C-alpha cells in the first residue's frame, strides 16, 4: 500500500504539479502535457496575434473566428511548460484574455 505524505510533509509546488504521490507506472520519456487555451484578442489585431502565437514553440491554433476568438493547443514536457505557455500568450499585445480550458497528460 502506498504511503501518502501528511500535510506537514507536503510541498505545495509538488502537489500542484502532481508529484506528491508515486506514479502508477514508471514515467514515460515520451509523456507530454497537452493544453487547450481559449484566447480573446482584439478583432482588428487578430492577424498579428495569430502570428505571435504561431511563433511560440509547440503552440498551434486549432480554430479562430472573425470576432477575435482563438482556440490554441500547446504541448509541453511538463506542467510548468503549460503554465509558461499560458503566461506567454496572455502577455502578448492585443490579447484581452487567455483562459485554460483543458489540460492533460499523454503518452506517445
Protein backbone atom coordinates (compact mmCIF):
# COMPACT_ATOMS: atom_id res chain seq x y z
CA UNK A 1 0.00 0.00 0.00
CA UNK A 2 1.39 3.40 -0.98
CA UNK A 3 2.12 5.80 1.83
CA UNK A 4 0.81 9.31 1.17
CA UNK A 5 2.54 12.28 2.79
CA UNK A 6 0.93 14.14 5.63
CA UNK A 7 0.09 17.80 5.11
CA UNK A 8 3.21 18.73 7.06
CA UNK A 9 5.41 16.76 4.62
CA UNK A 10 3.62 18.02 1.52
CA UNK A 11 5.30 20.65 -0.64
CA UNK A 12 2.72 22.93 -2.29
CA UNK A 13 4.62 23.10 -5.59
CA UNK A 14 4.91 19.31 -5.76
CA UNK A 15 1.19 18.96 -5.04
CA UNK A 16 0.17 21.45 -7.75
CA UNK A 17 2.45 19.74 -10.28
CA UNK A 18 1.13 16.27 -9.42
CA UNK A 19 4.38 14.97 -7.94
CA UNK A 20 3.07 14.30 -4.42
CA UNK A 21 2.32 10.63 -4.97
CA UNK A 22 4.27 7.84 -6.63
CA UNK A 23 3.35 7.35 -10.28
CA UNK A 24 1.03 4.47 -11.07
CA UNK A 25 3.51 3.16 -13.61
CA UNK A 26 7.04 4.25 -14.39
CA UNK A 27 7.42 7.65 -16.02
CA UNK A 28 7.49 7.58 -19.79
CA UNK A 29 10.17 9.50 -21.61
CA UNK A 30 7.58 10.23 -24.32
CA UNK A 31 4.97 11.68 -21.96
CA UNK A 32 3.88 15.25 -22.51
CA UNK A 33 1.35 17.73 -21.26
CA UNK A 34 -1.33 18.97 -23.64
CA UNK A 35 -3.50 22.01 -23.01
CA UNK A 36 -6.12 23.99 -24.85
CA UNK A 37 -6.47 27.70 -24.28
CA UNK A 38 -9.31 29.99 -25.29
CA UNK A 39 -7.89 33.35 -26.35
CA UNK A 40 -9.86 36.55 -26.86
CA UNK A 41 -7.94 39.11 -28.91
CA UNK A 42 -8.80 42.47 -30.39
CA UNK A 43 -10.57 41.61 -33.66
CA UNK A 44 -8.79 44.35 -35.59
CA UNK A 45 -5.39 42.94 -34.49
CA UNK A 46 -6.23 39.25 -34.85
CA UNK A 47 -3.72 38.51 -37.61
CA UNK A 48 -0.85 39.94 -35.55
CA UNK A 49 -1.90 37.87 -32.52
CA UNK A 50 -2.12 34.73 -34.68
CA UNK A 51 1.43 35.29 -35.99
CA UNK A 52 2.75 35.85 -32.46
CA UNK A 53 1.13 32.69 -31.11
CA UNK A 54 2.31 30.59 -34.04
CA UNK A 55 5.85 31.81 -33.34
CA UNK A 56 5.72 30.27 -29.85
CA UNK A 57 7.30 26.80 -29.56
CA UNK A 58 4.84 23.88 -29.60
CA UNK A 59 1.79 26.14 -29.99
CA UNK A 60 -0.79 25.69 -32.69
CA UNK A 61 -4.03 27.49 -33.48
CA UNK A 62 -6.81 24.96 -33.80
CA UNK A 63 -9.68 27.34 -34.58
CA UNK A 64 -10.41 31.05 -34.98
CA UNK A 65 -13.28 33.38 -35.76
CA UNK A 66 -13.56 36.94 -37.00
CA UNK A 67 -14.65 38.23 -33.57
CA UNK A 68 -11.18 37.64 -32.15
CA UNK A 69 -11.61 34.23 -30.54
CA UNK A 70 -8.90 31.61 -30.92
CA UNK A 71 -8.56 28.05 -29.69
CA UNK A 72 -4.89 27.34 -29.10
CA UNK A 73 -3.37 23.94 -28.37
CA UNK A 74 0.02 23.80 -26.69
CA UNK A 75 2.26 20.90 -25.78
CA UNK A 76 4.94 20.89 -23.11
CA UNK A 77 7.21 18.38 -21.44
CA UNK A 78 5.80 19.23 -18.00
CA UNK A 79 3.09 21.21 -16.22
CA UNK A 80 5.42 24.18 -15.80
CA UNK A 81 5.76 24.42 -19.57
CA UNK A 82 1.98 24.64 -19.94
CA UNK A 83 1.88 27.47 -17.41
CA UNK A 84 4.72 29.27 -19.15
CA UNK A 85 2.93 28.96 -22.49
CA UNK A 86 -0.31 30.27 -21.00
CA UNK A 87 1.52 33.22 -19.46
CA UNK A 88 3.35 33.98 -22.70
CA UNK A 89 0.07 34.06 -24.63
CA UNK A 90 -1.74 36.18 -22.04
CA UNK A 91 1.08 38.77 -22.08
CA UNK A 92 1.04 39.22 -25.86
CA UNK A 93 -0.01 42.67 -27.10
CA UNK A 94 -3.69 42.83 -28.13
CA UNK A 95 -4.62 39.67 -26.18
CA UNK A 96 -7.55 40.54 -23.93
CA UNK A 97 -7.74 37.19 -22.14
CA UNK A 98 -6.26 33.70 -22.25
CA UNK A 99 -8.14 31.00 -20.34
CA UNK A 100 -7.02 27.43 -19.75
CA UNK A 101 -9.88 25.17 -20.89
CA UNK A 102 -8.27 21.72 -20.71
CA UNK A 103 -5.02 20.23 -19.54
CA UNK A 104 -3.98 16.62 -19.63
CA UNK A 105 -1.11 14.18 -20.00
CA UNK A 106 -0.49 11.96 -22.97
CA UNK A 107 1.92 9.14 -23.62
CA UNK A 108 3.13 8.69 -27.19
